[in-house]
């Protein structure tokens, strides 16, 4: 017998999807802006509907049952279709809109274009609010883009999932940085000197997920890594206050060098230009507000 959808609270699907994505009821509650008891109650109702436990408690949260695994993708697709349909017909006028957008960025891109994007938005859409966050855990980026928690991301790493769209907006040249007055580095940096120095680098994530396009030559070098930090800005700050050497994109390095007293040097090995991308979920393709935001940010990048 077919299920009567009139008897189903479709909000239960969003709760199920959040719990499945987070693997934890507390994190799912924060994602949904609900209390944990409310999430537990909704999950209990969905369990009664499916006649399955759906999730089994563990020391770290919850683990999906086989039925939950089978339900996850159809539920996700259904929610994406509903979201796409609603957002595709929503009118958007930047002059009067009070919509809020959350933008994520990685590798210091926010320092490079954040102020320009904010100034542009204030000029043409004074009621629109932009919120910026840094990409610290890449495994969280994809579900947050899918669920609309993040609207748009700027990243040097393109998505490997065809549910996401990306467009190249910039190419960055890698340069070495050292503090002015470094006791061993002058106006030229040889490969032997570069390898003899101690380095500060970005925190190394999953190599299969977080490796920059074309960075194999750099990652293959036998560098003396003394410190790992979570952002390009942190690299610049550490270099400015130590004898460690770092690597940044040229535009960001040139922006920070005068304030931090940095010396910018060509890399002693040939590296490709690193492409930067705007990334979003395909469910936002037809959203007029999202289209406006993407075009505006692309225009900002084009002026770099």
Protein backbone atom coordinates (compact mmCIF):
# COMPACT_ATOMS: atom_id res chain seq x y z
CA UNK A 1 0.00 0.00 0.00
CA UNK A 2 1.34 3.44 -0.94
CA UNK A 3 2.10 5.82 1.91
CA UNK A 4 -0.30 8.77 2.31
CA UNK A 5 2.01 11.81 2.24
CA UNK A 6 -0.68 14.00 3.80
CA UNK A 7 0.02 12.19 7.07
CA UNK A 8 3.77 12.87 6.87
CA UNK A 9 5.36 16.00 8.39
CA UNK A 10 7.98 16.82 5.79
CA UNK A 11 10.01 18.69 8.43
CA UNK A 12 10.98 15.24 9.67
CA UNK A 13 13.01 14.80 6.48
CA UNK A 14 15.16 17.83 7.27
CA UNK A 15 15.80 16.49 10.77
CA UNK A 16 16.69 13.05 9.45
CA UNK A 17 19.02 14.60 6.83
CA UNK A 18 20.80 16.76 9.42
CA UNK A 19 21.30 13.88 11.87
CA UNK A 20 22.59 11.65 9.08
CA UNK A 21 25.03 14.35 7.90
CA UNK A 22 26.28 15.24 11.38
CA UNK A 23 26.24 11.82 13.04
CA UNK A 24 25.44 13.64 16.26
CA UNK A 25 22.14 14.97 17.66
CA UNK A 26 23.66 18.05 19.30
CA UNK A 27 25.41 19.16 16.12
CA UNK A 28 22.25 18.46 14.11
CA UNK A 29 20.27 20.64 16.53
CA UNK A 30 22.74 23.51 16.07
CA UNK A 31 22.58 23.13 12.29
CA UNK A 32 18.77 23.32 12.36
CA UNK A 33 18.56 26.03 15.05
CA UNK A 34 16.51 23.62 17.18
CA UNK A 35 16.87 22.26 20.69
CA UNK A 36 18.24 18.75 21.09
CA UNK A 37 14.99 17.50 22.70
CA UNK A 38 13.07 18.82 19.66
CA UNK A 39 15.42 16.94 17.34
CA UNK A 40 15.06 13.78 19.43
CA UNK A 41 11.27 14.10 19.35
CA UNK A 42 11.21 14.57 15.56
CA UNK A 43 13.52 11.61 15.12
CA UNK A 44 11.26 9.47 17.29
CA UNK A 45 8.29 10.39 15.08
CA UNK A 46 10.25 9.50 11.94
CA UNK A 47 11.27 6.19 13.54
CA UNK A 48 7.61 5.40 14.17
CA UNK A 49 6.85 6.22 10.54
CA UNK A 50 9.64 3.99 9.16
CA UNK A 51 9.36 1.31 11.87
CA UNK A 52 13.15 1.31 12.16
CA UNK A 53 15.63 2.58 14.75
CA UNK A 54 17.36 4.60 11.98
CA UNK A 55 20.30 5.55 14.25
CA UNK A 56 22.13 3.64 16.96
CA UNK A 57 23.83 5.57 19.73
CA UNK A 58 27.62 5.31 20.02
CA UNK A 59 30.25 6.95 22.21
CA UNK A 60 30.73 9.70 19.60
CA UNK A 61 27.14 10.22 18.50
CA UNK A 62 24.92 8.02 16.34
CA UNK A 63 25.49 5.49 13.55
CA UNK A 64 22.92 4.99 10.75
CA UNK A 65 21.15 1.66 10.37
CA UNK A 66 21.06 -0.03 6.93
CA UNK A 67 17.62 1.48 6.28
CA UNK A 68 18.89 4.97 7.17
CA UNK A 69 21.73 4.52 4.68
CA UNK A 70 19.20 3.58 1.98
CA UNK A 71 16.96 6.55 2.82
CA UNK A 72 19.72 9.16 2.98
CA UNK A 73 20.24 9.84 -0.72
CA UNK A 74 16.52 9.90 -1.75
CA UNK A 75 15.72 12.23 1.16
CA UNK A 76 18.64 14.50 0.24
CA UNK A 77 17.58 14.64 -3.42
CA UNK A 78 13.98 15.43 -2.43
CA UNK A 79 15.06 18.31 -0.18
CA UNK A 80 17.34 19.69 -2.88
CA UNK A 81 14.49 19.64 -5.43
CA UNK A 82 12.16 21.47 -3.05
CA UNK A 83 14.82 24.06 -2.21
CA UNK A 84 15.69 24.58 -5.86
CA UNK A 85 12.05 25.03 -6.82
CA UNK A 86 11.35 27.59 -4.09
CA UNK A 87 14.51 29.63 -4.61
CA UNK A 88 14.18 29.61 -8.39
CA UNK A 89 10.94 31.61 -8.28
CA UNK A 90 11.90 34.03 -5.53
CA UNK A 91 12.27 37.60 -6.83
CA UNK A 92 15.38 39.52 -5.85
CA UNK A 93 15.97 43.26 -5.97
CA UNK A 94 19.38 44.18 -4.49
CA UNK A 95 18.23 47.76 -3.82
CA UNK A 96 15.49 46.64 -1.42
CA UNK A 97 16.45 43.11 -0.38
CA UNK A 98 17.32 42.36 3.23
CA UNK A 99 18.57 38.89 2.44
CA UNK A 100 21.58 37.41 4.23
CA UNK A 101 24.36 35.46 2.55
CA UNK A 102 27.19 33.48 4.14
CA UNK A 103 30.48 33.34 2.23
CA UNK A 104 33.30 30.92 3.02
CA UNK A 105 36.91 31.28 1.96
CA UNK A 106 40.15 29.34 2.26
CA UNK A 107 43.86 30.11 2.15
CA UNK A 108 43.49 33.82 3.00
CA UNK A 109 41.29 34.70 0.03
CA UNK A 110 39.06 36.70 2.40
CA UNK A 111 41.95 39.06 3.19
CA UNK A 112 42.54 39.60 -0.51
CA UNK A 113 39.00 40.46 -1.62
CA UNK A 114 36.84 40.57 1.52
CA UNK A 115 36.85 44.35 1.92
CA UNK A 116 36.21 44.94 -1.79
CA UNK A 117 33.25 42.53 -1.78
CA UNK A 118 31.79 44.17 1.34
CA UNK A 119 32.18 47.68 -0.11
CA UNK A 120 30.55 46.60 -3.37
CA UNK A 121 27.58 45.05 -1.57
CA UNK A 122 27.06 48.09 0.66
CA UNK A 123 27.09 50.36 -2.38
CA UNK A 124 24.58 48.47 -4.53
CA UNK A 125 22.57 46.53 -1.91
CA UNK A 126 22.59 48.43 1.40
CA UNK A 127 20.08 46.08 3.06
CA UNK A 128 21.87 42.84 2.14
CA UNK A 129 24.03 41.34 4.88
CA UNK A 130 27.17 39.39 4.06
CA UNK A 131 28.76 37.10 6.65
CA UNK A 132 32.21 35.63 6.09
CA UNK A 133 33.61 32.42 7.55
CA UNK A 134 36.92 30.64 7.01
CA UNK A 135 37.15 27.09 5.68
CA UNK A 136 38.81 25.29 8.57
CA UNK A 137 37.34 21.79 8.11
CA UNK A 138 36.90 21.02 4.43
CA UNK A 139 34.77 17.95 5.15
CA UNK A 140 32.19 20.34 6.64
CA UNK A 141 32.20 22.66 3.59
CA UNK A 142 30.29 20.36 1.26
CA UNK A 143 27.26 19.59 3.48
CA UNK A 144 27.13 23.25 4.55
CA UNK A 145 27.00 24.36 0.89
CA UNK A 146 24.39 21.70 0.15
CA UNK A 147 22.18 22.74 3.06
CA UNK A 148 22.46 26.49 2.43
CA UNK A 149 24.36 27.17 5.66
CA UNK A 150 27.07 28.50 3.34
CA UNK A 151 25.90 30.13 0.10
CA UNK A 152 29.17 30.45 -1.77
CA UNK A 153 32.81 29.49 -1.18
CA UNK A 154 36.08 30.78 -2.60
CA UNK A 155 38.71 28.08 -2.64
CA UNK A 156 41.81 26.89 -4.45
CA UNK A 157 40.46 23.33 -4.36
CA UNK A 158 37.62 22.55 -6.80
CA UNK A 159 34.79 20.17 -5.86
CA UNK A 160 35.05 16.52 -6.88
CA UNK A 161 31.29 16.01 -6.77
CA UNK A 162 29.02 16.84 -9.71
CA UNK A 163 26.35 18.15 -7.34
CA UNK A 164 28.54 21.23 -6.93
CA UNK A 165 29.40 23.90 -9.49
CA UNK A 166 32.63 25.87 -9.71
CA UNK A 167 34.02 28.70 -11.79
CA UNK A 168 37.64 29.85 -11.93
CA UNK A 169 38.00 33.48 -10.86
CA UNK A 170 41.73 33.94 -10.27
CA UNK A 171 45.17 32.42 -10.72
CA UNK A 172 47.74 32.89 -7.97
CA UNK A 173 51.52 32.88 -8.28
CA UNK A 174 53.26 31.29 -5.29
CA UNK A 175 56.11 33.28 -3.70
CA UNK A 176 58.38 32.72 -0.73
CA UNK A 177 58.24 35.13 2.20
CA UNK A 178 60.74 35.88 4.94
CA UNK A 179 60.97 38.73 7.41
CA UNK A 180 63.03 41.75 6.52
CA UNK A 181 66.33 41.44 8.33
CA UNK A 182 66.38 37.65 8.10
CA UNK A 183 69.98 36.73 8.98
CA UNK A 184 70.53 34.27 6.10
CA UNK A 185 68.17 35.37 3.31
CA UNK A 186 69.03 38.32 1.13
CA UNK A 187 67.56 39.42 -2.18
CA UNK A 188 67.84 36.00 -3.78
CA UNK A 189 66.70 32.59 -2.60
CA UNK A 190 68.41 29.48 -3.90
CA UNK A 191 66.89 26.03 -3.60
CA UNK A 192 69.62 24.87 -1.22
CA UNK A 193 69.07 27.90 1.06
CA UNK A 194 65.29 27.38 0.90
CA UNK A 195 65.63 23.75 1.98
CA UNK A 196 68.14 24.61 4.72
CA UNK A 197 65.67 26.96 6.39
CA UNK A 198 62.86 26.00 8.75
CA UNK A 199 59.31 26.43 7.46
CA UNK A 200 55.79 27.28 8.54
CA UNK A 201 53.10 25.69 6.36
CA UNK A 202 49.35 25.26 6.22
CA UNK A 203 47.98 22.46 8.37
CA UNK A 204 48.11 19.33 6.28
CA UNK A 205 44.70 17.72 5.83
CA UNK A 206 43.69 14.64 3.94
CA UNK A 207 46.06 14.62 0.92
CA UNK A 208 43.35 13.20 -1.32
CA UNK A 209 41.01 16.08 -0.44
CA UNK A 210 43.11 19.11 0.44
CA UNK A 211 45.96 19.09 -2.06
CA UNK A 212 46.21 22.20 -4.19
CA UNK A 213 46.09 21.73 -7.94
CA UNK A 214 49.61 21.68 -9.33
CA UNK A 215 51.31 21.77 -5.91
CA UNK A 216 52.97 18.37 -6.26
CA UNK A 217 56.42 19.89 -6.89
CA UNK A 218 56.19 21.99 -3.72
CA UNK A 219 54.83 19.18 -1.56
CA UNK A 220 57.55 16.83 -2.79
CA UNK A 221 60.33 19.03 -1.40
CA UNK A 222 62.04 17.80 1.75
CA UNK A 223 61.30 20.91 3.80
CA UNK A 224 62.04 21.25 7.51
CA UNK A 225 58.52 21.98 8.71
CA UNK A 226 58.66 23.42 12.20
CA UNK A 227 55.10 24.69 12.48
CA UNK A 228 51.70 24.07 10.88
CA UNK A 229 49.01 26.77 11.05
CA UNK A 230 45.39 26.89 9.79
CA UNK A 231 45.54 29.92 7.48
CA UNK A 232 47.69 31.95 5.12
CA UNK A 233 47.34 34.97 7.40
CA UNK A 234 48.82 32.94 10.24
CA UNK A 235 51.77 32.01 7.99
CA UNK A 236 52.45 35.69 7.32
CA UNK A 237 52.25 36.60 11.02
CA UNK A 238 54.58 33.78 12.08
CA UNK A 239 57.12 34.66 9.38
CA UNK A 240 57.06 38.34 10.39
CA UNK A 241 58.05 37.43 13.96
CA UNK A 242 60.55 34.62 13.37
CA UNK A 243 63.22 33.30 11.04
CA UNK A 244 60.84 30.75 9.52
CA UNK A 245 60.09 30.83 5.79
CA UNK A 246 56.62 30.55 4.29
CA UNK A 247 54.79 30.43 0.96
CA UNK A 248 51.90 32.73 -0.04
CA UNK A 249 50.13 33.88 -3.17
CA UNK A 250 51.85 36.93 -4.61
CA UNK A 251 48.85 39.27 -4.36
CA UNK A 252 48.25 38.44 -0.70
CA UNK A 253 51.97 38.70 0.08
CA UNK A 254 52.18 42.13 -1.57
CA UNK A 255 49.18 43.29 0.43
CA UNK A 256 50.63 42.14 3.76
CA UNK A 257 54.34 42.87 3.21
CA UNK A 258 54.32 46.62 4.06
CA UNK A 259 52.37 46.16 7.31
CA UNK A 260 54.25 43.08 8.50
CA UNK A 261 57.74 43.84 7.25
CA UNK A 262 57.94 40.89 4.87
CA UNK A 263 60.41 40.21 2.11
CA UNK A 264 58.93 38.64 -1.05
CA UNK A 265 61.12 36.33 -3.11
CA UNK A 266 60.56 34.21 -6.22
CA UNK A 267 60.24 30.53 -5.49
CA UNK A 268 63.49 28.65 -6.22
CA UNK A 269 61.57 26.01 -8.18
CA UNK A 270 59.15 26.41 -11.06
CA UNK A 271 55.54 26.13 -9.95
CA UNK A 272 52.33 26.53 -11.94
CA UNK A 273 49.81 29.26 -11.25
CA UNK A 274 47.26 28.04 -8.70
CA UNK A 275 43.63 28.58 -9.85
CA UNK A 276 41.03 29.88 -7.39
CA UNK A 277 37.36 29.00 -7.73
CA UNK A 278 33.94 30.13 -6.67
CA UNK A 279 32.04 27.03 -5.52
CA UNK A 280 28.33 26.55 -4.90
CA UNK A 281 25.70 23.83 -4.89
CA UNK A 282 23.77 23.30 -8.13
CA UNK A 283 20.49 23.79 -6.28
CA UNK A 284 21.38 27.52 -6.19
CA UNK A 285 21.92 27.81 -9.96
CA UNK A 286 18.55 29.43 -10.70
CA UNK A 287 18.26 31.49 -7.51
CA UNK A 288 18.19 35.17 -8.65
CA UNK A 289 19.83 36.43 -5.47
CA UNK A 290 22.58 33.87 -5.71
CA UNK A 291 23.12 34.74 -9.38
CA UNK A 292 23.49 38.40 -8.43
CA UNK A 293 25.98 37.56 -5.68
CA UNK A 294 28.09 35.31 -7.91
CA UNK A 295 28.32 37.91 -10.66
CA UNK A 296 29.24 40.67 -8.23
CA UNK A 297 32.02 38.62 -6.64
CA UNK A 298 33.34 37.60 -10.06
CA UNK A 299 33.49 41.30 -11.00
CA UNK A 300 35.52 42.02 -7.86
CA UNK A 301 38.00 39.26 -8.70
CA UNK A 302 38.26 40.52 -12.29
CA UNK A 303 39.61 43.86 -11.02
CA UNK A 304 42.53 42.28 -9.13
